[in-house]
Amino acid sequence: MISAPKRTPKVMFLFLALAYSLALVTFAADDVAEQQKQIRSMVQETLQRLYKAEPKTRAAIKHAYGYAVFSDLGVKILFGGTGNGKGLAVNNRTKHEVFMKMIEIQAGLGMGVDKFRVVFVFDNERAFNDFVNKGWEFGGQSTFAAKNGDQGGAMAGAVAVSDGVWMYQLTDKGLAAEISATGTKYYKDDELN
């Protein structure tokens, strides 16, 4: 009679360690896929809100070189605040997606929680690639007035924040008339790409 080979504690330990490692890798991949799915969903919901608030933006985004959408949650307590968020940049020509992060630092008196969405529209390849590959930041305190319908055309409600880059800001109340950016940095999310 042939007996089954004996499994030593060392072999069992290695087998369990390997199984555990595979489970962690699978869990991490599922977690990444779930985060990507949530960000894509946020992007679509934000774009629909923007199109409803300013219908001409649908054509502007469709015909742009690319766009990026971010969700931001900021908290301000007394003398300072911080915010962070996630987003997605999409090249309209290739449909390539780049998952990104943002971080914001605020100075000044105040208290509260601020939640908003930001949509960037890129007129050209250089503006899009610089944003995605080099990151981008607003320094200090910047406040811009959004263009009104008679001057902005397809970009009504947007602000030109740099050469070839337009920005929309949506709050719970709709499209913001003034866009405020305080020490905000946008950069690639290495974990989700």
N, C-alpha and C. Protein backbone atom coordinates (compact mmCIF):
# COMPACT_ATOMS: atom_id res chain seq x y z
N MET A 1 0.82 -1.16 0.00
CA MET A 1 0.00 0.00 0.00
C MET A 1 0.88 1.25 0.00
N ILE A 2 0.51 2.21 -0.89
CA ILE A 2 1.29 3.43 -1.01
C ILE A 2 0.64 4.49 -0.15
N SER A 3 1.44 5.12 0.66
CA SER A 3 0.88 6.15 1.53
C SER A 3 1.17 7.53 0.93
N ALA A 4 0.34 8.47 1.30
CA ALA A 4 0.51 9.85 0.83
C ALA A 4 1.78 10.43 1.43
N PRO A 5 2.46 11.31 0.69
CA PRO A 5 3.69 11.88 1.24
C PRO A 5 3.37 12.73 2.47
N LYS A 6 4.27 12.68 3.42
CA LYS A 6 4.10 13.45 4.65
C LYS A 6 4.36 14.92 4.36
N ARG A 7 3.54 15.75 4.93
CA ARG A 7 3.76 17.20 4.77
C ARG A 7 4.36 17.70 6.07
N THR A 8 5.52 18.21 5.95
CA THR A 8 6.21 18.73 7.13
C THR A 8 5.63 20.09 7.46
N PRO A 9 5.78 20.53 8.69
CA PRO A 9 5.28 21.86 9.08
C PRO A 9 5.87 22.97 8.21
N LYS A 10 7.13 22.81 7.79
CA LYS A 10 7.77 23.83 6.95
C LYS A 10 7.09 23.93 5.59
N VAL A 11 6.76 22.80 4.97
CA VAL A 11 6.08 22.78 3.68
C VAL A 11 4.68 23.36 3.83
N MET A 12 3.99 22.99 4.90
CA MET A 12 2.63 23.52 5.14
C MET A 12 2.68 25.04 5.31
N PHE A 13 3.69 25.52 6.07
CA PHE A 13 3.82 26.95 6.28
C PHE A 13 4.04 27.67 4.95
N LEU A 14 4.93 27.15 4.11
CA LEU A 14 5.19 27.76 2.80
C LEU A 14 3.94 27.75 1.93
N PHE A 15 3.21 26.65 1.96
CA PHE A 15 1.97 26.55 1.19
C PHE A 15 0.95 27.59 1.65
N LEU A 16 0.77 27.73 2.97
CA LEU A 16 -0.17 28.71 3.52
C LEU A 16 0.29 30.14 3.22
N ALA A 17 1.60 30.38 3.32
CA ALA A 17 2.12 31.71 3.03
C ALA A 17 1.88 32.09 1.57
N LEU A 18 2.07 31.13 0.68
CA LEU A 18 1.83 31.36 -0.74
C LEU A 18 0.34 31.64 -1.00
N ALA A 19 -0.53 30.86 -0.40
CA ALA A 19 -1.97 31.05 -0.56
C ALA A 19 -2.40 32.42 -0.02
N TYR A 20 -1.85 32.81 1.11
CA TYR A 20 -2.17 34.10 1.71
C TYR A 20 -1.69 35.24 0.80
N SER A 21 -0.48 35.12 0.27
CA SER A 21 0.07 36.14 -0.64
C SER A 21 -0.79 36.29 -1.88
N LEU A 22 -1.23 35.18 -2.45
CA LEU A 22 -2.09 35.23 -3.63
C LEU A 22 -3.42 35.90 -3.29
N ALA A 23 -3.95 35.60 -2.11
CA ALA A 23 -5.21 36.23 -1.69
C ALA A 23 -5.04 37.74 -1.55
N LEU A 24 -3.91 38.18 -0.99
CA LEU A 24 -3.65 39.62 -0.84
C LEU A 24 -3.55 40.31 -2.19
N VAL A 25 -2.85 39.68 -3.13
CA VAL A 25 -2.71 40.26 -4.47
C VAL A 25 -4.07 40.37 -5.14
N THR A 26 -4.89 39.34 -5.02
CA THR A 26 -6.23 39.36 -5.60
C THR A 26 -7.08 40.43 -4.95
N PHE A 27 -6.99 40.55 -3.61
CA PHE A 27 -7.75 41.57 -2.89
C PHE A 27 -7.32 42.96 -3.32
N ALA A 28 -6.00 43.18 -3.44
CA ALA A 28 -5.49 44.48 -3.86
C ALA A 28 -5.97 44.82 -5.28
N ALA A 29 -5.95 43.85 -6.18
CA ALA A 29 -6.41 44.08 -7.55
C ALA A 29 -7.91 44.41 -7.57
N ASP A 30 -8.69 43.69 -6.73
CA ASP A 30 -10.12 43.97 -6.64
C ASP A 30 -10.35 45.36 -6.07
N ASP A 31 -9.55 45.76 -5.07
CA ASP A 31 -9.68 47.07 -4.45
C ASP A 31 -9.36 48.16 -5.47
N VAL A 32 -8.30 47.98 -6.26
CA VAL A 32 -7.93 48.95 -7.29
C VAL A 32 -9.05 49.05 -8.32
N ALA A 33 -9.55 47.92 -8.78
CA ALA A 33 -10.64 47.92 -9.77
C ALA A 33 -11.89 48.62 -9.21
N GLU A 34 -12.18 48.40 -7.93
CA GLU A 34 -13.35 49.03 -7.31
C GLU A 34 -13.16 50.54 -7.22
N GLN A 35 -11.97 50.99 -6.83
CA GLN A 35 -11.70 52.43 -6.76
C GLN A 35 -11.79 53.07 -8.14
N GLN A 36 -11.25 52.40 -9.16
CA GLN A 36 -11.33 52.92 -10.52
C GLN A 36 -12.79 53.04 -10.96
N LYS A 37 -13.58 52.04 -10.63
CA LYS A 37 -15.00 52.05 -10.98
C LYS A 37 -15.72 53.22 -10.30
N GLN A 38 -15.42 53.45 -9.03
CA GLN A 38 -16.05 54.56 -8.30
C GLN A 38 -15.67 55.90 -8.90
N ILE A 39 -14.41 56.05 -9.29
CA ILE A 39 -13.96 57.32 -9.88
C ILE A 39 -14.63 57.53 -11.24
N ARG A 40 -14.70 56.49 -12.06
CA ARG A 40 -15.39 56.62 -13.36
C ARG A 40 -16.85 57.02 -13.17
N SER A 41 -17.49 56.45 -12.17
CA SER A 41 -18.89 56.77 -11.87
C SER A 41 -19.02 58.24 -11.45
N MET A 42 -18.10 58.71 -10.60
CA MET A 42 -18.10 60.11 -10.16
C MET A 42 -17.92 61.03 -11.36
N VAL A 43 -17.03 60.65 -12.29
CA VAL A 43 -16.78 61.46 -13.49
C VAL A 43 -18.05 61.60 -14.31
N GLN A 44 -18.73 60.50 -14.57
CA GLN A 44 -19.96 60.55 -15.37
C GLN A 44 -21.05 61.36 -14.68
N GLU A 45 -21.19 61.21 -13.38
CA GLU A 45 -22.21 61.96 -12.63
C GLU A 45 -21.88 63.45 -12.67
N THR A 46 -20.60 63.80 -12.52
CA THR A 46 -20.18 65.20 -12.55
C THR A 46 -20.42 65.82 -13.92
N LEU A 47 -20.05 65.10 -14.97
CA LEU A 47 -20.27 65.62 -16.33
C LEU A 47 -21.75 65.84 -16.60
N GLN A 48 -22.60 64.93 -16.16
CA GLN A 48 -24.04 65.10 -16.36
C GLN A 48 -24.56 66.34 -15.63
N ARG A 49 -24.05 66.58 -14.42
CA ARG A 49 -24.43 67.79 -13.67
C ARG A 49 -23.96 69.05 -14.40
N LEU A 50 -22.73 69.00 -14.96
CA LEU A 50 -22.20 70.15 -15.69
C LEU A 50 -23.01 70.40 -16.95
N TYR A 51 -23.32 69.35 -17.70
CA TYR A 51 -24.11 69.50 -18.93
C TYR A 51 -25.49 70.07 -18.64
N LYS A 52 -26.06 69.70 -17.51
CA LYS A 52 -27.38 70.23 -17.14
C LYS A 52 -27.28 71.70 -16.76
N ALA A 53 -26.23 72.07 -16.03
CA ALA A 53 -26.04 73.46 -15.59
C ALA A 53 -25.67 74.37 -16.76
N GLU A 54 -24.88 73.86 -17.70
CA GLU A 54 -24.41 74.64 -18.85
C GLU A 54 -24.36 73.73 -20.07
N PRO A 55 -25.47 73.60 -20.81
CA PRO A 55 -25.57 72.64 -21.91
C PRO A 55 -24.47 72.72 -22.98
N LYS A 56 -23.93 73.92 -23.23
CA LYS A 56 -22.89 74.06 -24.26
C LYS A 56 -21.60 73.33 -23.89
N THR A 57 -21.44 72.97 -22.64
CA THR A 57 -20.20 72.31 -22.22
C THR A 57 -20.08 70.91 -22.82
N ARG A 58 -21.18 70.27 -23.15
CA ARG A 58 -21.12 68.92 -23.74
C ARG A 58 -20.29 68.94 -25.03
N ALA A 59 -20.57 69.90 -25.91
CA ALA A 59 -19.83 70.00 -27.17
C ALA A 59 -18.39 70.44 -26.91
N ALA A 60 -18.19 71.36 -25.95
CA ALA A 60 -16.84 71.84 -25.64
C ALA A 60 -15.96 70.69 -25.17
N ILE A 61 -16.47 69.83 -24.31
CA ILE A 61 -15.70 68.71 -23.80
C ILE A 61 -15.49 67.65 -24.88
N LYS A 62 -16.53 67.40 -25.65
CA LYS A 62 -16.43 66.39 -26.71
C LYS A 62 -15.36 66.76 -27.74
N HIS A 63 -15.24 68.04 -28.08
CA HIS A 63 -14.31 68.48 -29.11
C HIS A 63 -12.95 68.90 -28.57
N ALA A 64 -12.78 68.91 -27.26
CA ALA A 64 -11.50 69.28 -26.66
C ALA A 64 -10.49 68.16 -26.85
N TYR A 65 -9.21 68.47 -26.68
CA TYR A 65 -8.18 67.43 -26.77
C TYR A 65 -8.37 66.41 -25.64
N GLY A 66 -8.75 66.90 -24.46
CA GLY A 66 -8.98 66.02 -23.32
C GLY A 66 -9.64 66.77 -22.19
N TYR A 67 -9.93 66.05 -21.13
CA TYR A 67 -10.55 66.66 -19.96
C TYR A 67 -10.13 65.88 -18.72
N ALA A 68 -10.35 66.51 -17.55
CA ALA A 68 -10.08 65.85 -16.28
C ALA A 68 -11.17 66.26 -15.30
N VAL A 69 -11.60 65.32 -14.47
CA VAL A 69 -12.65 65.58 -13.50
C VAL A 69 -12.16 65.12 -12.12
N PHE A 70 -12.38 65.98 -11.11
CA PHE A 70 -11.95 65.67 -9.75
C PHE A 70 -13.08 65.93 -8.77
N SER A 71 -13.09 65.13 -7.72
CA SER A 71 -13.99 65.32 -6.59
C SER A 71 -13.12 65.73 -5.41
N ASP A 72 -13.50 66.82 -4.72
CA ASP A 72 -12.69 67.34 -3.62
C ASP A 72 -13.52 67.45 -2.36
N LEU A 73 -12.94 67.06 -1.25
CA LEU A 73 -13.55 67.24 0.06
C LEU A 73 -12.56 68.00 0.91
N GLY A 74 -12.94 69.19 1.35
CA GLY A 74 -12.05 70.03 2.15
C GLY A 74 -12.63 70.29 3.52
N VAL A 75 -11.75 70.40 4.50
CA VAL A 75 -12.15 70.68 5.88
C VAL A 75 -11.32 71.86 6.35
N LYS A 76 -12.00 72.86 6.92
CA LYS A 76 -11.30 74.03 7.44
C LYS A 76 -11.68 74.21 8.90
N ILE A 77 -10.66 74.30 9.75
CA ILE A 77 -10.89 74.49 11.18
C ILE A 77 -10.01 75.64 11.65
N LEU A 78 -10.63 76.70 12.11
CA LEU A 78 -9.98 77.90 12.61
C LEU A 78 -9.00 78.51 11.61
N PHE A 79 -7.68 78.32 11.79
CA PHE A 79 -6.69 79.05 11.00
C PHE A 79 -6.23 78.35 9.73
N GLY A 80 -6.69 77.16 9.46
CA GLY A 80 -6.22 76.48 8.27
C GLY A 80 -7.11 75.33 7.89
N GLY A 81 -6.82 74.77 6.75
CA GLY A 81 -7.62 73.64 6.30
C GLY A 81 -6.87 72.84 5.25
N THR A 82 -7.46 71.73 4.92
CA THR A 82 -6.87 70.85 3.93
C THR A 82 -7.98 70.16 3.17
N GLY A 83 -7.65 69.71 2.01
CA GLY A 83 -8.61 68.96 1.21
C GLY A 83 -7.86 67.97 0.35
N ASN A 84 -8.57 66.96 -0.08
CA ASN A 84 -7.96 66.01 -1.01
C ASN A 84 -9.06 65.38 -1.84
N GLY A 85 -8.64 64.77 -2.91
CA GLY A 85 -9.61 64.15 -3.79
C GLY A 85 -8.94 63.28 -4.83
N LYS A 86 -9.78 62.66 -5.62
CA LYS A 86 -9.31 61.79 -6.70
C LYS A 86 -10.00 62.21 -7.98
N GLY A 87 -9.40 61.82 -9.08
CA GLY A 87 -9.98 62.19 -10.35
C GLY A 87 -9.44 61.36 -11.49
N LEU A 88 -9.84 61.76 -12.68
CA LEU A 88 -9.50 61.02 -13.88
C LEU A 88 -9.29 62.01 -15.02
N ALA A 89 -8.16 61.86 -15.73
CA ALA A 89 -7.90 62.65 -16.93
C ALA A 89 -8.09 61.72 -18.13
N VAL A 90 -8.79 62.21 -19.17
CA VAL A 90 -9.10 61.39 -20.34
C VAL A 90 -8.64 62.12 -21.60
N ASN A 91 -7.85 61.42 -22.40
CA ASN A 91 -7.42 61.93 -23.70
C ASN A 91 -8.54 61.56 -24.68
N ASN A 92 -9.23 62.57 -25.22
CA ASN A 92 -10.35 62.31 -26.14
C ASN A 92 -9.91 61.64 -27.44
N ARG A 93 -8.66 61.86 -27.86
CA ARG A 93 -8.20 61.28 -29.12
C ARG A 93 -7.96 59.77 -28.99
N THR A 94 -7.28 59.37 -27.91
CA THR A 94 -6.91 57.96 -27.74
C THR A 94 -7.81 57.22 -26.76
N LYS A 95 -8.62 57.94 -25.99
CA LYS A 95 -9.48 57.40 -24.92
C LYS A 95 -8.67 56.85 -23.75
N HIS A 96 -7.37 57.17 -23.71
CA HIS A 96 -6.51 56.72 -22.61
C HIS A 96 -6.89 57.46 -21.32
N GLU A 97 -7.00 56.72 -20.23
CA GLU A 97 -7.36 57.28 -18.93
C GLU A 97 -6.14 57.31 -18.01
N VAL A 98 -6.04 58.39 -17.23
CA VAL A 98 -5.00 58.50 -16.22
C VAL A 98 -5.68 58.88 -14.91
N PHE A 99 -5.57 58.00 -13.91
CA PHE A 99 -6.14 58.27 -12.60
C PHE A 99 -5.20 59.22 -11.87
N MET A 100 -5.80 60.20 -11.18
CA MET A 100 -5.01 61.26 -10.55
C MET A 100 -5.50 61.54 -9.14
N LYS A 101 -4.69 62.27 -8.40
CA LYS A 101 -5.03 62.73 -7.05
C LYS A 101 -4.89 64.24 -7.00
N MET A 102 -5.48 64.81 -5.96
CA MET A 102 -5.29 66.23 -5.70
C MET A 102 -5.17 66.44 -4.19
N ILE A 103 -4.43 67.46 -3.83
CA ILE A 103 -4.32 67.84 -2.42
C ILE A 103 -4.39 69.36 -2.36
N GLU A 104 -5.00 69.86 -1.30
CA GLU A 104 -5.24 71.30 -1.18
C GLU A 104 -4.89 71.73 0.24
N ILE A 105 -4.21 72.87 0.35
CA ILE A 105 -3.90 73.44 1.66
C ILE A 105 -4.44 74.85 1.68
N GLN A 106 -5.20 75.18 2.73
CA GLN A 106 -5.84 76.49 2.85
C GLN A 106 -5.34 77.20 4.10
N ALA A 107 -5.19 78.51 4.00
CA ALA A 107 -4.84 79.33 5.15
C ALA A 107 -5.96 80.34 5.37
N GLY A 108 -6.08 80.84 6.57
CA GLY A 108 -7.09 81.85 6.86
C GLY A 108 -8.15 81.33 7.81
N LEU A 109 -8.90 82.26 8.35
CA LEU A 109 -9.94 81.91 9.32
C LEU A 109 -11.13 81.25 8.65
N GLY A 110 -11.74 80.34 9.37
CA GLY A 110 -12.93 79.69 8.86
C GLY A 110 -13.18 78.36 9.53
N MET A 111 -14.35 77.82 9.25
CA MET A 111 -14.72 76.53 9.78
C MET A 111 -15.74 75.90 8.86
N GLY A 112 -15.63 74.62 8.65
CA GLY A 112 -16.63 73.93 7.84
C GLY A 112 -16.05 72.89 6.92
N VAL A 113 -16.96 72.23 6.25
CA VAL A 113 -16.62 71.19 5.28
C VAL A 113 -17.09 71.67 3.92
N ASP A 114 -16.21 71.58 2.95
CA ASP A 114 -16.50 72.03 1.60
C ASP A 114 -16.38 70.85 0.65
N LYS A 115 -17.39 70.66 -0.16
CA LYS A 115 -17.39 69.55 -1.12
C LYS A 115 -17.68 70.13 -2.49
N PHE A 116 -16.80 69.86 -3.44
CA PHE A 116 -17.05 70.35 -4.79
C PHE A 116 -16.38 69.46 -5.82
N ARG A 117 -16.73 69.69 -7.07
CA ARG A 117 -16.16 68.97 -8.20
C ARG A 117 -15.49 69.97 -9.13
N VAL A 118 -14.42 69.55 -9.75
CA VAL A 118 -13.68 70.40 -10.68
C VAL A 118 -13.56 69.66 -12.01
N VAL A 119 -13.81 70.39 -13.09
CA VAL A 119 -13.66 69.84 -14.44
C VAL A 119 -12.68 70.73 -15.20
N PHE A 120 -11.61 70.12 -15.71
CA PHE A 120 -10.65 70.82 -16.55
C PHE A 120 -10.91 70.41 -18.00
N VAL A 121 -10.80 71.36 -18.91
CA VAL A 121 -10.92 71.09 -20.34
C VAL A 121 -9.63 71.59 -21.00
N PHE A 122 -9.01 70.71 -21.79
CA PHE A 122 -7.72 71.02 -22.40
C PHE A 122 -7.89 71.24 -23.90
N ASP A 123 -7.46 72.42 -24.37
CA ASP A 123 -7.58 72.77 -25.78
C ASP A 123 -6.60 72.02 -26.68
N ASN A 124 -5.45 71.63 -26.12
CA ASN A 124 -4.41 71.07 -26.97
C ASN A 124 -3.61 69.98 -26.26
N GLU A 125 -2.82 69.28 -27.04
CA GLU A 125 -2.04 68.14 -26.54
C GLU A 125 -1.03 68.56 -25.49
N ARG A 126 -0.33 69.67 -25.72
CA ARG A 126 0.69 70.12 -24.77
C ARG A 126 0.08 70.41 -23.40
N ALA A 127 -1.05 71.12 -23.38
CA ALA A 127 -1.69 71.45 -22.11
C ALA A 127 -2.12 70.18 -21.37
N PHE A 128 -2.70 69.23 -22.11
CA PHE A 128 -3.14 67.97 -21.50
C PHE A 128 -1.95 67.18 -20.96
N ASN A 129 -0.92 67.00 -21.80
CA ASN A 129 0.24 66.20 -21.40
C ASN A 129 0.99 66.83 -20.23
N ASP A 130 1.12 68.16 -20.22
CA ASP A 130 1.78 68.82 -19.09
C ASP A 130 1.00 68.57 -17.80
N PHE A 131 -0.30 68.68 -17.86
CA PHE A 131 -1.13 68.45 -16.68
C PHE A 131 -0.96 67.02 -16.16
N VAL A 132 -1.04 66.06 -17.05
CA VAL A 132 -0.99 64.65 -16.66
C VAL A 132 0.42 64.23 -16.24
N ASN A 133 1.42 64.59 -17.02
CA ASN A 133 2.77 64.08 -16.80
C ASN A 133 3.61 64.88 -15.83
N LYS A 134 3.38 66.18 -15.74
CA LYS A 134 4.18 67.01 -14.85
C LYS A 134 3.42 67.40 -13.59
N GLY A 135 2.13 67.13 -13.57
CA GLY A 135 1.33 67.60 -12.45
C GLY A 135 1.03 69.07 -12.67
N TRP A 136 0.26 69.63 -11.79
CA TRP A 136 -0.12 71.02 -11.96
C TRP A 136 -0.53 71.55 -10.61
N GLU A 137 -0.27 72.83 -10.35
CA GLU A 137 -0.70 73.38 -9.08
C GLU A 137 -1.04 74.85 -9.17
N PHE A 138 -1.99 75.22 -8.31
CA PHE A 138 -2.31 76.62 -8.06
C PHE A 138 -1.50 77.01 -6.83
N GLY A 139 -0.82 78.11 -6.89
CA GLY A 139 -0.10 78.56 -5.71
C GLY A 139 -0.87 79.67 -5.03
N GLY A 140 -0.67 79.83 -3.74
CA GLY A 140 -1.29 80.91 -3.01
C GLY A 140 -2.81 80.91 -3.11
N GLN A 141 -3.38 82.08 -3.01
CA GLN A 141 -4.84 82.24 -3.08
C GLN A 141 -5.19 82.80 -4.44
N SER A 142 -5.96 82.07 -5.21
CA SER A 142 -6.39 82.53 -6.52
C SER A 142 -7.90 82.47 -6.61
N THR A 143 -8.50 83.55 -7.04
CA THR A 143 -9.94 83.56 -7.27
C THR A 143 -10.17 84.11 -8.67
N PHE A 144 -10.97 83.38 -9.45
CA PHE A 144 -11.24 83.75 -10.83
C PHE A 144 -12.74 83.92 -11.01
N ALA A 145 -13.13 84.84 -11.86
CA ALA A 145 -14.54 85.00 -12.18
C ALA A 145 -14.84 84.19 -13.43
N ALA A 146 -15.88 83.38 -13.37
CA ALA A 146 -16.28 82.57 -14.52
C ALA A 146 -16.83 83.48 -15.61
N LYS A 147 -16.59 83.10 -16.86
CA LYS A 147 -17.09 83.89 -17.99
C LYS A 147 -18.60 83.72 -18.11
N ASN A 148 -19.27 84.80 -18.49
CA ASN A 148 -20.72 84.67 -18.68
C ASN A 148 -21.02 84.21 -20.10
N GLY A 149 -22.26 83.87 -20.34
CA GLY A 149 -22.68 83.27 -21.60
C GLY A 149 -22.35 84.08 -22.84
N ASP A 150 -22.44 85.42 -22.77
CA ASP A 150 -22.21 86.20 -23.99
C ASP A 150 -20.73 86.31 -24.35
N GLN A 151 -19.83 86.11 -23.39
CA GLN A 151 -18.41 86.17 -23.70
C GLN A 151 -17.79 84.79 -23.80
N GLY A 152 -18.33 83.81 -23.11
CA GLY A 152 -17.67 82.53 -23.02
C GLY A 152 -17.99 81.55 -24.12
N GLY A 153 -19.09 81.74 -24.86
CA GLY A 153 -19.48 80.80 -25.90
C GLY A 153 -19.58 79.39 -25.33
N ALA A 154 -18.90 78.44 -25.96
CA ALA A 154 -18.95 77.05 -25.51
C ALA A 154 -18.33 76.89 -24.13
N MET A 155 -17.47 77.82 -23.73
CA MET A 155 -16.81 77.74 -22.43
C MET A 155 -17.51 78.61 -21.38
N ALA A 156 -18.76 78.95 -21.58
CA ALA A 156 -19.50 79.75 -20.62
C ALA A 156 -19.48 79.06 -19.26
N GLY A 157 -19.19 79.83 -18.22
CA GLY A 157 -19.11 79.30 -16.87
C GLY A 157 -17.73 78.78 -16.51
N ALA A 158 -16.79 78.83 -17.47
CA ALA A 158 -15.43 78.33 -17.23
C ALA A 158 -14.47 79.49 -17.01
N VAL A 159 -13.31 79.15 -16.48
CA VAL A 159 -12.25 80.10 -16.26
C VAL A 159 -11.00 79.60 -16.97
N ALA A 160 -10.32 80.48 -17.69
CA ALA A 160 -9.04 80.12 -18.30
C ALA A 160 -8.00 80.21 -17.19
N VAL A 161 -7.46 79.05 -16.77
CA VAL A 161 -6.51 79.03 -15.65
C VAL A 161 -5.07 78.98 -16.12
N SER A 162 -4.84 78.62 -17.35
CA SER A 162 -3.52 78.72 -17.99
C SER A 162 -3.72 78.55 -19.48
N ASP A 163 -2.65 78.67 -20.24
CA ASP A 163 -2.75 78.60 -21.69
C ASP A 163 -3.31 77.24 -22.12
N GLY A 164 -4.48 77.24 -22.73
CA GLY A 164 -5.10 76.01 -23.23
C GLY A 164 -5.84 75.20 -22.19
N VAL A 165 -6.02 75.75 -20.97
CA VAL A 165 -6.70 75.01 -19.90
C VAL A 165 -7.85 75.84 -19.34
N TRP A 166 -9.03 75.26 -19.37
CA TRP A 166 -10.24 75.88 -18.83
C TRP A 166 -10.69 75.06 -17.63
N MET A 167 -11.33 75.72 -16.68
CA MET A 167 -11.74 75.04 -15.44
C MET A 167 -13.17 75.44 -15.08
N TYR A 168 -13.96 74.41 -14.72
CA TYR A 168 -15.30 74.60 -14.17
C TYR A 168 -15.28 74.09 -12.74
N GLN A 169 -16.03 74.74 -11.86
CA GLN A 169 -16.16 74.26 -10.49
C GLN A 169 -17.64 74.11 -10.18
N LEU A 170 -18.02 72.93 -9.73
CA LEU A 170 -19.41 72.65 -9.37
C LEU A 170 -19.51 72.46 -7.86
N THR A 171 -20.49 73.13 -7.26
CA THR A 171 -20.79 72.92 -5.85
C THR A 171 -22.14 72.22 -5.77
N ASP A 172 -22.61 71.98 -4.57
CA ASP A 172 -23.93 71.38 -4.40
C ASP A 172 -25.03 72.26 -4.99
N LYS A 173 -24.76 73.56 -5.11
CA LYS A 173 -25.76 74.50 -5.63
C LYS A 173 -25.68 74.67 -7.14
N GLY A 174 -24.67 74.07 -7.78
CA GLY A 174 -24.55 74.19 -9.22
C GLY A 174 -23.19 74.72 -9.63
N LEU A 175 -23.13 75.34 -10.80
CA LEU A 175 -21.89 75.87 -11.35
C LEU A 175 -21.48 77.12 -10.57
N ALA A 176 -20.23 77.14 -10.10
CA ALA A 176 -19.74 78.26 -9.30
C ALA A 176 -19.48 79.48 -10.17
N ALA A 177 -19.89 80.66 -9.71
CA ALA A 177 -19.66 81.90 -10.44
C ALA A 177 -18.23 82.38 -10.22
N GLU A 178 -17.67 82.05 -9.06
CA GLU A 178 -16.27 82.36 -8.77
C GLU A 178 -15.57 81.06 -8.43
N ILE A 179 -14.39 80.89 -8.98
CA ILE A 179 -13.61 79.68 -8.73
C ILE A 179 -12.45 80.05 -7.85
N SER A 180 -12.35 79.36 -6.74
CA SER A 180 -11.28 79.63 -5.79
C SER A 180 -10.34 78.44 -5.74
N ALA A 181 -9.06 78.71 -5.86
CA ALA A 181 -8.06 77.64 -5.79
C ALA A 181 -6.96 78.09 -4.85
N THR A 182 -6.74 77.33 -3.80
CA THR A 182 -5.79 77.70 -2.78
C THR A 182 -4.77 76.60 -2.59
N GLY A 183 -3.54 76.81 -3.01
CA GLY A 183 -2.50 75.83 -2.80
C GLY A 183 -2.91 74.42 -3.20
N THR A 184 -3.46 74.26 -4.40
CA THR A 184 -3.95 72.96 -4.86
C THR A 184 -2.98 72.34 -5.84
N LYS A 185 -2.69 71.06 -5.65
CA LYS A 185 -1.77 70.33 -6.53
C LYS A 185 -2.49 69.11 -7.09
N TYR A 186 -2.32 68.87 -8.38
CA TYR A 186 -2.89 67.72 -9.10
C TYR A 186 -1.74 66.87 -9.61
N TYR A 187 -1.83 65.54 -9.42
CA TYR A 187 -0.74 64.67 -9.84
C TYR A 187 -1.24 63.23 -10.05
N LYS A 188 -0.44 62.41 -10.76
CA LYS A 188 -0.81 61.03 -11.07
C LYS A 188 -0.96 60.21 -9.80
N ASP A 189 -1.91 59.29 -9.84
CA ASP A 189 -2.13 58.33 -8.74
C ASP A 189 -1.41 57.05 -9.12
N ASP A 190 -0.22 56.84 -8.59
CA ASP A 190 0.59 55.66 -8.95
C ASP A 190 -0.08 54.36 -8.55
N GLU A 191 -0.92 54.37 -7.53
CA GLU A 191 -1.57 53.14 -7.08
C GLU A 191 -2.68 52.68 -8.02
N LEU A 192 -3.33 53.62 -8.72
CA LEU A 192 -4.48 53.26 -9.55
C LEU A 192 -4.15 53.16 -11.04
N ASN A 193 -2.96 53.57 -11.46
CA ASN A 193 -2.58 53.49 -12.87
C ASN A 193 -1.81 52.22 -13.16
